[in-house]
Amino acid sequence: MANGGTTLLIGLVLLVLGMALVLWGAERFTEGAVGTALRFQLSTFYVGALVSGFEPENLVTGIAAALGHLHQIVVTNLRGAAHIGRAPF
């Protein structure tokens, strides 16, 4: 029983560590995409669409956020939708 508990604990620790790494990587990706767009004076919507692939259902949200100068929302919206679209449901 102790061996099974140890295995479960290791699995939970690895799960939490993996989730933390994914969140850290997503934040770095967003900061990098926004920084790239601003550095080259490009629309954050354009850079987000280019990096994550354009999805028409995000067009309204992306345009509204870009017009409102909400750069983080533009990139995150496109990136998040691309990841959800690939999720195996």
PDB file of N, CA and C in Angstrom:
ATOM      1  N   MET A   1       0.818  -1.187   0.000  1.00  0.00           N
ATOM      2  CA  MET A   1       0.000   0.000   0.000  1.00  0.00           C
ATOM      3  C   MET A   1       0.868   1.260   0.000  1.00  0.00           C
ATOM      4  N   ALA A   2       1.991   1.217   0.723  1.00  0.00           N
ATOM      5  CA  ALA A   2       2.867   2.390   0.793  1.00  0.00           C
ATOM      6  C   ALA A   2       3.461   2.690  -0.577  1.00  0.00           C
ATOM      7  N   ASN A   3       3.770   1.657  -1.361  1.00  0.00           N
ATOM      8  CA  ASN A   3       4.336   1.848  -2.680  1.00  0.00           C
ATOM      9  C   ASN A   3       3.333   2.536  -3.608  1.00  0.00           C
ATOM     10  N   GLY A   4       2.069   2.138  -3.530  1.00  0.00           N
ATOM     11  CA  GLY A   4       1.032   2.773  -4.342  1.00  0.00           C
ATOM     12  C   GLY A   4       0.820   4.222  -3.952  1.00  0.00           C
ATOM     13  N   GLY A   5       0.897   4.519  -2.666  1.00  0.00           N
ATOM     14  CA  GLY A   5       0.766   5.893  -2.189  1.00  0.00           C
ATOM     15  C   GLY A   5       1.911   6.767  -2.657  1.00  0.00           C
ATOM     16  N   THR A   6       3.116   6.199  -2.666  1.00  0.00           N
ATOM     17  CA  THR A   6       4.295   6.929  -3.126  1.00  0.00           C
ATOM     18  C   THR A   6       4.172   7.240  -4.613  1.00  0.00           C
ATOM     19  N   THR A   7       3.714   6.251  -5.377  1.00  0.00           N
ATOM     20  CA  THR A   7       3.535   6.447  -6.806  1.00  0.00           C
ATOM     21  C   THR A   7       2.502   7.530  -7.080  1.00  0.00           C
ATOM     22  N   LEU A   8       1.418   7.521  -6.321  1.00  0.00           N
ATOM     23  CA  LEU A   8       0.381   8.534  -6.475  1.00  0.00           C
ATOM     24  C   LEU A   8       0.924   9.918  -6.135  1.00  0.00           C
ATOM     25  N   LEU A   9       1.684  10.012  -5.066  1.00  0.00           N
ATOM     26  CA  LEU A   9       2.265  11.293  -4.657  1.00  0.00           C
ATOM     27  C   LEU A   9       3.213  11.827  -5.729  1.00  0.00           C
ATOM     28  N   ILE A  10       4.053  10.968  -6.259  1.00  0.00           N
ATOM     29  CA  ILE A  10       4.978  11.379  -7.325  1.00  0.00           C
ATOM     30  C   ILE A  10       4.183  11.849  -8.541  1.00  0.00           C
ATOM     31  N   GLY A  11       3.142  11.132  -8.889  1.00  0.00           N
ATOM     32  CA  GLY A  11       2.307  11.529 -10.021  1.00  0.00           C
ATOM     33  C   GLY A  11       1.662  12.889  -9.823  1.00  0.00           C
ATOM     34  N   LEU A  12       1.159  13.130  -8.614  1.00  0.00           N
ATOM     35  CA  LEU A  12       0.539  14.429  -8.320  1.00  0.00           C
ATOM     36  C   LEU A  12       1.560  15.565  -8.356  1.00  0.00           C
ATOM     37  N   VAL A  13       2.739  15.320  -7.827  1.00  0.00           N
ATOM     38  CA  VAL A  13       3.795  16.337  -7.852  1.00  0.00           C
ATOM     39  C   VAL A  13       4.176  16.657  -9.299  1.00  0.00           C
ATOM     40  N   LEU A  14       4.328  15.621 -10.114  1.00  0.00           N
ATOM     41  CA  LEU A  14       4.668  15.844 -11.525  1.00  0.00           C
ATOM     42  C   LEU A  14       3.557  16.571 -12.273  1.00  0.00           C
ATOM     43  N   LEU A  15       2.302  16.268 -11.953  1.00  0.00           N
ATOM     44  CA  LEU A  15       1.163  16.955 -12.569  1.00  0.00           C
ATOM     45  C   LEU A  15       1.191  18.443 -12.238  1.00  0.00           C
ATOM     46  N   VAL A  16       1.367  18.764 -10.970  1.00  0.00           N
ATOM     47  CA  VAL A  16       1.407  20.169 -10.553  1.00  0.00           C
ATOM     48  C   VAL A  16       2.609  20.876 -11.182  1.00  0.00           C
ATOM     49  N   LEU A  17       3.752  20.231 -11.197  1.00  0.00           N
ATOM     50  CA  LEU A  17       4.938  20.809 -11.814  1.00  0.00           C
ATOM     51  C   LEU A  17       4.714  21.052 -13.306  1.00  0.00           C
ATOM     52  N   GLY A  18       4.109  20.095 -13.988  1.00  0.00           N
ATOM     53  CA  GLY A  18       3.813  20.253 -15.408  1.00  0.00           C
ATOM     54  C   GLY A  18       2.863  21.402 -15.675  1.00  0.00           C
ATOM     55  N   MET A  19       1.836  21.533 -14.852  1.00  0.00           N
ATOM     56  CA  MET A  19       0.884  22.630 -15.019  1.00  0.00           C
ATOM     57  C   MET A  19       1.570  23.972 -14.793  1.00  0.00           C
ATOM     58  N   ALA A  20       2.437  24.039 -13.805  1.00  0.00           N
ATOM     59  CA  ALA A  20       3.168  25.286 -13.530  1.00  0.00           C
ATOM     60  C   ALA A  20       4.064  25.653 -14.710  1.00  0.00           C
ATOM     61  N   LEU A  21       4.720  24.668 -15.300  1.00  0.00           N
ATOM     62  CA  LEU A  21       5.585  24.930 -16.449  1.00  0.00           C
ATOM     63  C   LEU A  21       4.777  25.392 -17.667  1.00  0.00           C
ATOM     64  N   VAL A  22       3.607  24.810 -17.887  1.00  0.00           N
ATOM     65  CA  VAL A  22       2.751  25.229 -18.999  1.00  0.00           C
ATOM     66  C   VAL A  22       2.309  26.677 -18.801  1.00  0.00           C
ATOM     67  N   LEU A  23       1.884  27.024 -17.594  1.00  0.00           N
ATOM     68  CA  LEU A  23       1.454  28.399 -17.322  1.00  0.00           C
ATOM     69  C   LEU A  23       2.609  29.381 -17.483  1.00  0.00           C
ATOM     70  N   TRP A  24       3.777  29.016 -16.997  1.00  0.00           N
ATOM     71  CA  TRP A  24       4.957  29.872 -17.140  1.00  0.00           C
ATOM     72  C   TRP A  24       5.293  30.067 -18.621  1.00  0.00           C
ATOM     73  N   GLY A  25       5.271  28.981 -19.380  1.00  0.00           N
ATOM     74  CA  GLY A  25       5.573  29.063 -20.808  1.00  0.00           C
ATOM     75  C   GLY A  25       4.550  29.887 -21.571  1.00  0.00           C
ATOM     76  N   ALA A  26       3.281  29.757 -21.212  1.00  0.00           N
ATOM     77  CA  ALA A  26       2.237  30.535 -21.875  1.00  0.00           C
ATOM     78  C   ALA A  26       2.413  32.022 -21.606  1.00  0.00           C
ATOM     79  N   GLU A  27       2.776  32.358 -20.395  1.00  0.00           N
ATOM     80  CA  GLU A  27       3.003  33.767 -20.054  1.00  0.00           C
ATOM     81  C   GLU A  27       4.198  34.328 -20.818  1.00  0.00           C
ATOM     82  N   ARG A  28       5.266  33.566 -20.885  1.00  0.00           N
ATOM     83  CA  ARG A  28       6.457  33.998 -21.642  1.00  0.00           C
ATOM     84  C   ARG A  28       6.130  34.151 -23.127  1.00  0.00           C
ATOM     85  N   PHE A  29       5.344  33.221 -23.671  1.00  0.00           N
ATOM     86  CA  PHE A  29       4.942  33.285 -25.074  1.00  0.00           C
ATOM     87  C   PHE A  29       4.155  34.565 -25.344  1.00  0.00           C
ATOM     88  N   THR A  30       3.199  34.874 -24.467  1.00  0.00           N
ATOM     89  CA  THR A  30       2.370  36.061 -24.646  1.00  0.00           C
ATOM     90  C   THR A  30       3.220  37.328 -24.574  1.00  0.00           C
ATOM     91  N   GLU A  31       4.092  37.395 -23.593  1.00  0.00           N
ATOM     92  CA  GLU A  31       4.964  38.565 -23.468  1.00  0.00           C
ATOM     93  C   GLU A  31       5.856  38.714 -24.699  1.00  0.00           C
ATOM     94  N   GLY A  32       6.375  37.613 -25.199  1.00  0.00           N
ATOM     95  CA  GLY A  32       7.233  37.660 -26.374  1.00  0.00           C
ATOM     96  C   GLY A  32       6.486  38.083 -27.624  1.00  0.00           C
ATOM     97  N   ALA A  33       5.275  37.580 -27.800  1.00  0.00           N
ATOM     98  CA  ALA A  33       4.484  37.945 -28.977  1.00  0.00           C
ATOM     99  C   ALA A  33       4.104  39.417 -28.946  1.00  0.00           C
ATOM    100  N   VAL A  34       3.694  39.904 -27.785  1.00  0.00           N
ATOM    101  CA  VAL A  34       3.348  41.326 -27.656  1.00  0.00           C
ATOM    102  C   VAL A  34       4.588  42.185 -27.881  1.00  0.00           C
ATOM    103  N   GLY A  35       5.707  41.788 -27.296  1.00  0.00           N
ATOM    104  CA  GLY A  35       6.953  42.534 -27.479  1.00  0.00           C
ATOM    105  C   GLY A  35       7.386  42.580 -28.934  1.00  0.00           C
ATOM    106  N   THR A  36       7.255  41.475 -29.643  1.00  0.00           N
ATOM    107  CA  THR A  36       7.602  41.421 -31.057  1.00  0.00           C
ATOM    108  C   THR A  36       6.713  42.359 -31.867  1.00  0.00           C
ATOM    109  N   ALA A  37       5.418  42.313 -31.598  1.00  0.00           N
ATOM    110  CA  ALA A  37       4.485  43.176 -32.325  1.00  0.00           C
ATOM    111  C   ALA A  37       4.806  44.649 -32.093  1.00  0.00           C
ATOM    112  N   LEU A  38       5.034  45.014 -30.848  1.00  0.00           N
ATOM    113  CA  LEU A  38       5.318  46.413 -30.540  1.00  0.00           C
ATOM    114  C   LEU A  38       6.670  46.856 -31.094  1.00  0.00           C
ATOM    115  N   ARG A  39       7.647  45.971 -31.051  1.00  0.00           N
ATOM    116  CA  ARG A  39       8.984  46.315 -31.542  1.00  0.00           C
ATOM    117  C   ARG A  39       8.983  46.598 -33.035  1.00  0.00           C
ATOM    118  N   PHE A  40       8.238  45.809 -33.785  1.00  0.00           N
ATOM    119  CA  PHE A  40       8.193  45.986 -35.239  1.00  0.00           C
ATOM    120  C   PHE A  40       6.993  46.814 -35.688  1.00  0.00           C
ATOM    121  N   GLN A  41       6.323  47.438 -34.730  1.00  0.00           N
ATOM    122  CA  GLN A  41       5.165  48.295 -34.985  1.00  0.00           C
ATOM    123  C   GLN A  41       4.096  47.579 -35.814  1.00  0.00           C
ATOM    124  N   LEU A  42       3.812  46.351 -35.419  1.00  0.00           N
ATOM    125  CA  LEU A  42       2.775  45.546 -36.050  1.00  0.00           C
ATOM    126  C   LEU A  42       1.591  45.427 -35.104  1.00  0.00           C
ATOM    127  N   SER A  43       0.452  45.120 -35.655  1.00  0.00           N
ATOM    128  CA  SER A  43      -0.722  44.875 -34.838  1.00  0.00           C
ATOM    129  C   SER A  43      -0.515  43.595 -34.031  1.00  0.00           C
ATOM    130  N   THR A  44      -0.875  43.640 -32.752  1.00  0.00           N
ATOM    131  CA  THR A  44      -0.764  42.431 -31.940  1.00  0.00           C
ATOM    132  C   THR A  44      -1.708  41.353 -32.457  1.00  0.00           C
ATOM    133  N   PHE A  45      -2.822  41.766 -33.044  1.00  0.00           N
ATOM    134  CA  PHE A  45      -3.747  40.803 -33.642  1.00  0.00           C
ATOM    135  C   PHE A  45      -3.060  40.065 -34.791  1.00  0.00           C
ATOM    136  N   TYR A  46      -2.346  40.797 -35.629  1.00  0.00           N
ATOM    137  CA  TYR A  46      -1.652  40.189 -36.756  1.00  0.00           C
ATOM    138  C   TYR A  46      -0.601  39.186 -36.275  1.00  0.00           C
ATOM    139  N   VAL A  47       0.191  39.573 -35.299  1.00  0.00           N
ATOM    140  CA  VAL A  47       1.232  38.676 -34.794  1.00  0.00           C
ATOM    141  C   VAL A  47       0.614  37.450 -34.140  1.00  0.00           C
ATOM    142  N   GLY A  48      -0.438  37.645 -33.353  1.00  0.00           N
ATOM    143  CA  GLY A  48      -1.107  36.508 -32.724  1.00  0.00           C
ATOM    144  C   GLY A  48      -1.701  35.556 -33.744  1.00  0.00           C
ATOM    145  N   ALA A  49      -2.313  36.111 -34.781  1.00  0.00           N
ATOM    146  CA  ALA A  49      -2.895  35.278 -35.840  1.00  0.00           C
ATOM    147  C   ALA A  49      -1.808  34.532 -36.598  1.00  0.00           C
ATOM    148  N   LEU A  50      -0.707  35.189 -36.847  1.00  0.00           N
ATOM    149  CA  LEU A  50       0.401  34.567 -37.575  1.00  0.00           C
ATOM    150  C   LEU A  50       1.019  33.422 -36.784  1.00  0.00           C
ATOM    151  N   VAL A  51       1.211  33.631 -35.494  1.00  0.00           N
ATOM    152  CA  VAL A  51       1.866  32.629 -34.656  1.00  0.00           C
ATOM    153  C   VAL A  51       0.957  31.438 -34.374  1.00  0.00           C
ATOM    154  N   SER A  52      -0.296  31.695 -34.047  1.00  0.00           N
ATOM    155  CA  SER A  52      -1.163  30.606 -33.606  1.00  0.00           C
ATOM    156  C   SER A  52      -2.117  30.094 -34.668  1.00  0.00           C
ATOM    157  N   GLY A  53      -2.166  30.746 -35.785  1.00  0.00           N
ATOM    158  CA  GLY A  53      -3.092  30.327 -36.836  1.00  0.00           C
ATOM    159  C   GLY A  53      -4.387  31.117 -36.731  1.00  0.00           C
ATOM    160  N   PHE A  54      -4.857  31.600 -37.844  1.00  0.00           N
ATOM    161  CA  PHE A  54      -6.048  32.451 -37.837  1.00  0.00           C
ATOM    162  C   PHE A  54      -7.305  31.601 -37.704  1.00  0.00           C
ATOM    163  N   GLU A  55      -8.174  32.001 -36.812  1.00  0.00           N
ATOM    164  CA  GLU A  55      -9.454  31.316 -36.620  1.00  0.00           C
ATOM    165  C   GLU A  55     -10.557  32.362 -36.725  1.00  0.00           C
ATOM    166  N   PRO A  56     -11.412  32.276 -37.714  1.00  0.00           N
ATOM    167  CA  PRO A  56     -12.417  33.313 -37.978  1.00  0.00           C
ATOM    168  C   PRO A  56     -13.337  33.620 -36.798  1.00  0.00           C
ATOM    169  N   GLU A  57     -13.627  32.623 -35.954  1.00  0.00           N
ATOM    170  CA  GLU A  57     -14.530  32.891 -34.837  1.00  0.00           C
ATOM    171  C   GLU A  57     -13.936  33.835 -33.799  1.00  0.00           C
ATOM    172  N   ASN A  58     -12.641  34.079 -33.869  1.00  0.00           N
ATOM    173  CA  ASN A  58     -11.996  35.015 -32.949  1.00  0.00           C
ATOM    174  C   ASN A  58     -11.813  36.399 -33.569  1.00  0.00           C
ATOM    175  N   LEU A  59     -12.290  36.584 -34.773  1.00  0.00           N
ATOM    176  CA  LEU A  59     -12.078  37.842 -35.479  1.00  0.00           C
ATOM    177  C   LEU A  59     -12.665  39.035 -34.724  1.00  0.00           C
ATOM    178  N   VAL A  60     -13.896  38.934 -34.273  1.00  0.00           N
ATOM    179  CA  VAL A  60     -14.545  40.057 -33.591  1.00  0.00           C
ATOM    180  C   VAL A  60     -13.826  40.388 -32.289  1.00  0.00           C
ATOM    181  N   THR A  61     -13.502  39.378 -31.519  1.00  0.00           N
ATOM    182  CA  THR A  61     -12.812  39.620 -30.251  1.00  0.00           C
ATOM    183  C   THR A  61     -11.442  40.239 -30.498  1.00  0.00           C
ATOM    184  N   GLY A  62     -10.730  39.721 -31.466  1.00  0.00           N
ATOM    185  CA  GLY A  62      -9.396  40.240 -31.766  1.00  0.00           C
ATOM    186  C   GLY A  62      -9.418  41.677 -32.243  1.00  0.00           C
ATOM    187  N   ILE A  63     -10.347  41.996 -33.115  1.00  0.00           N
ATOM    188  CA  ILE A  63     -10.434  43.369 -33.621  1.00  0.00           C
ATOM    189  C   ILE A  63     -10.827  44.329 -32.501  1.00  0.00           C
ATOM    190  N   ALA A  64     -11.819  43.938 -31.702  1.00  0.00           N
ATOM    191  CA  ALA A  64     -12.259  44.804 -30.603  1.00  0.00           C
ATOM    192  C   ALA A  64     -11.123  45.037 -29.613  1.00  0.00           C
ATOM    193  N   ALA A  65     -10.380  43.994 -29.278  1.00  0.00           N
ATOM    194  CA  ALA A  65      -9.280  44.148 -28.333  1.00  0.00           C
ATOM    195  C   ALA A  65      -8.150  44.983 -28.936  1.00  0.00           C
ATOM    196  N   ALA A  66      -7.868  44.791 -30.224  1.00  0.00           N
ATOM    197  CA  ALA A  66      -6.816  45.575 -30.877  1.00  0.00           C
ATOM    198  C   ALA A  66      -7.192  47.048 -30.928  1.00  0.00           C
ATOM    199  N   LEU A  67      -8.452  47.336 -31.243  1.00  0.00           N
ATOM    200  CA  LEU A  67      -8.901  48.730 -31.290  1.00  0.00           C
ATOM    201  C   LEU A  67      -8.885  49.363 -29.900  1.00  0.00           C
ATOM    202  N   GLY A  68      -9.103  48.549 -28.881  1.00  0.00           N
ATOM    203  CA  GLY A  68      -9.064  49.043 -27.508  1.00  0.00           C
ATOM    204  C   GLY A  68      -7.674  49.026 -26.898  1.00  0.00           C
ATOM    205  N   HIS A  69      -6.658  48.725 -27.713  1.00  0.00           N
ATOM    206  CA  HIS A  69      -5.263  48.651 -27.252  1.00  0.00           C
ATOM    207  C   HIS A  69      -5.099  47.659 -26.100  1.00  0.00           C
ATOM    208  N   LEU A  70      -5.811  46.553 -26.159  1.00  0.00           N
ATOM    209  CA  LEU A  70      -5.714  45.489 -25.152  1.00  0.00           C
ATOM    210  C   LEU A  70      -4.857  44.369 -25.730  1.00  0.00           C
ATOM    211  N   HIS A  71      -3.580  44.637 -25.852  1.00  0.00           N
ATOM    212  CA  HIS A  71      -2.661  43.745 -26.558  1.00  0.00           C
ATOM    213  C   HIS A  71      -2.615  42.337 -25.980  1.00  0.00           C
ATOM    214  N   GLN A  72      -2.605  42.219 -24.664  1.00  0.00           N
ATOM    215  CA  GLN A  72      -2.531  40.902 -24.036  1.00  0.00           C
ATOM    216  C   GLN A  72      -3.752  40.062 -24.393  1.00  0.00           C
ATOM    217  N   ILE A  73      -4.923  40.693 -24.437  1.00  0.00           N
ATOM    218  CA  ILE A  73      -6.144  39.952 -24.763  1.00  0.00           C
ATOM    219  C   ILE A  73      -6.112  39.457 -26.197  1.00  0.00           C
ATOM    220  N   VAL A  74      -5.606  40.273 -27.097  1.00  0.00           N
ATOM    221  CA  VAL A  74      -5.546  39.877 -28.507  1.00  0.00           C
ATOM    222  C   VAL A  74      -4.734  38.604 -28.668  1.00  0.00           C
ATOM    223  N   VAL A  75      -3.519  38.611 -28.142  1.00  0.00           N
ATOM    224  CA  VAL A  75      -2.624  37.461 -28.319  1.00  0.00           C
ATOM    225  C   VAL A  75      -3.140  36.252 -27.547  1.00  0.00           C
ATOM    226  N   THR A  76      -3.578  36.461 -26.328  1.00  0.00           N
ATOM    227  CA  THR A  76      -4.062  35.357 -25.511  1.00  0.00           C
ATOM    228  C   THR A  76      -5.310  34.734 -26.106  1.00  0.00           C
ATOM    229  N   ASN A  77      -6.203  35.532 -26.648  1.00  0.00           N
ATOM    230  CA  ASN A  77      -7.417  35.021 -27.277  1.00  0.00           C
ATOM    231  C   ASN A  77      -7.080  34.086 -28.430  1.00  0.00           C
ATOM    232  N   LEU A  78      -6.192  34.501 -29.278  1.00  0.00           N
ATOM    233  CA  LEU A  78      -5.823  33.670 -30.423  1.00  0.00           C
ATOM    234  C   LEU A  78      -5.074  32.416 -29.998  1.00  0.00           C
ATOM    235  N   ARG A  79      -4.132  32.590 -29.079  1.00  0.00           N
ATOM    236  CA  ARG A  79      -3.350  31.442 -28.629  1.00  0.00           C
ATOM    237  C   ARG A  79      -4.221  30.434 -27.886  1.00  0.00           C
ATOM    238  N   GLY A  80      -5.075  30.922 -26.991  1.00  0.00           N
ATOM    239  CA  GLY A  80      -5.932  30.028 -26.214  1.00  0.00           C
ATOM    240  C   GLY A  80      -6.902  29.260 -27.086  1.00  0.00           C
ATOM    241  N   ALA A  81      -7.483  29.926 -28.053  1.00  0.00           N
ATOM    242  CA  ALA A  81      -8.437  29.255 -28.942  1.00  0.00           C
ATOM    243  C   ALA A  81      -7.731  28.185 -29.777  1.00  0.00           C
ATOM    244  N   ALA A  82      -6.519  28.443 -30.161  1.00  0.00           N
ATOM    245  CA  ALA A  82      -5.774  27.452 -30.943  1.00  0.00           C
ATOM    246  C   ALA A  82      -5.502  26.207 -30.110  1.00  0.00           C
ATOM    247  N   HIS A  83      -5.192  26.377 -28.828  1.00  0.00           N
ATOM    248  CA  HIS A  83      -4.922  25.219 -27.967  1.00  0.00           C
ATOM    249  C   HIS A  83      -6.217  24.450 -27.668  1.00  0.00           C
ATOM    250  N   ILE A  84      -7.295  25.149 -27.429  1.00  0.00           N
ATOM    251  CA  ILE A  84      -8.569  24.486 -27.159  1.00  0.00           C
ATOM    252  C   ILE A  84      -9.031  23.740 -28.399  1.00  0.00           C
ATOM    253  N   GLY A  85      -8.798  24.316 -29.562  1.00  0.00           N
ATOM    254  CA  GLY A  85      -9.202  23.670 -30.807  1.00  0.00           C
ATOM    255  C   GLY A  85      -8.479  22.358 -31.060  1.00  0.00           C
ATOM    256  N   ARG A  86      -7.320  22.195 -30.470  1.00  0.00           N
ATOM    257  CA  ARG A  86      -6.547  20.954 -30.651  1.00  0.00           C
ATOM    258  C   ARG A  86      -6.792  19.939 -29.547  1.00  0.00           C
ATOM    259  N   ALA A  87      -7.579  20.307 -28.553  1.00  0.00           N
ATOM    260  CA  ALA A  87      -7.835  19.400 -27.418  1.00  0.00           C
ATOM    261  C   ALA A  87      -8.659  18.200 -27.875  1.00  0.00           C
ATOM    262  N   PRO A  88      -8.257  17.011 -27.472  1.00  0.00           N
ATOM    263  CA  PRO A  88      -8.989  15.795 -27.888  1.00  0.00           C
ATOM    264  C   PRO A  88     -10.229  15.570 -27.018  1.00  0.00           C
ATOM    265  N   PHE A  89     -11.376  15.994 -27.515  1.00  0.00           N
ATOM    266  CA  PHE A  89     -12.633  15.792 -26.765  1.00  0.00           C
ATOM    267  C   PHE A  89     -13.377  14.626 -27.340  1.00  0.00           C
TER     268      PHE A  89
END
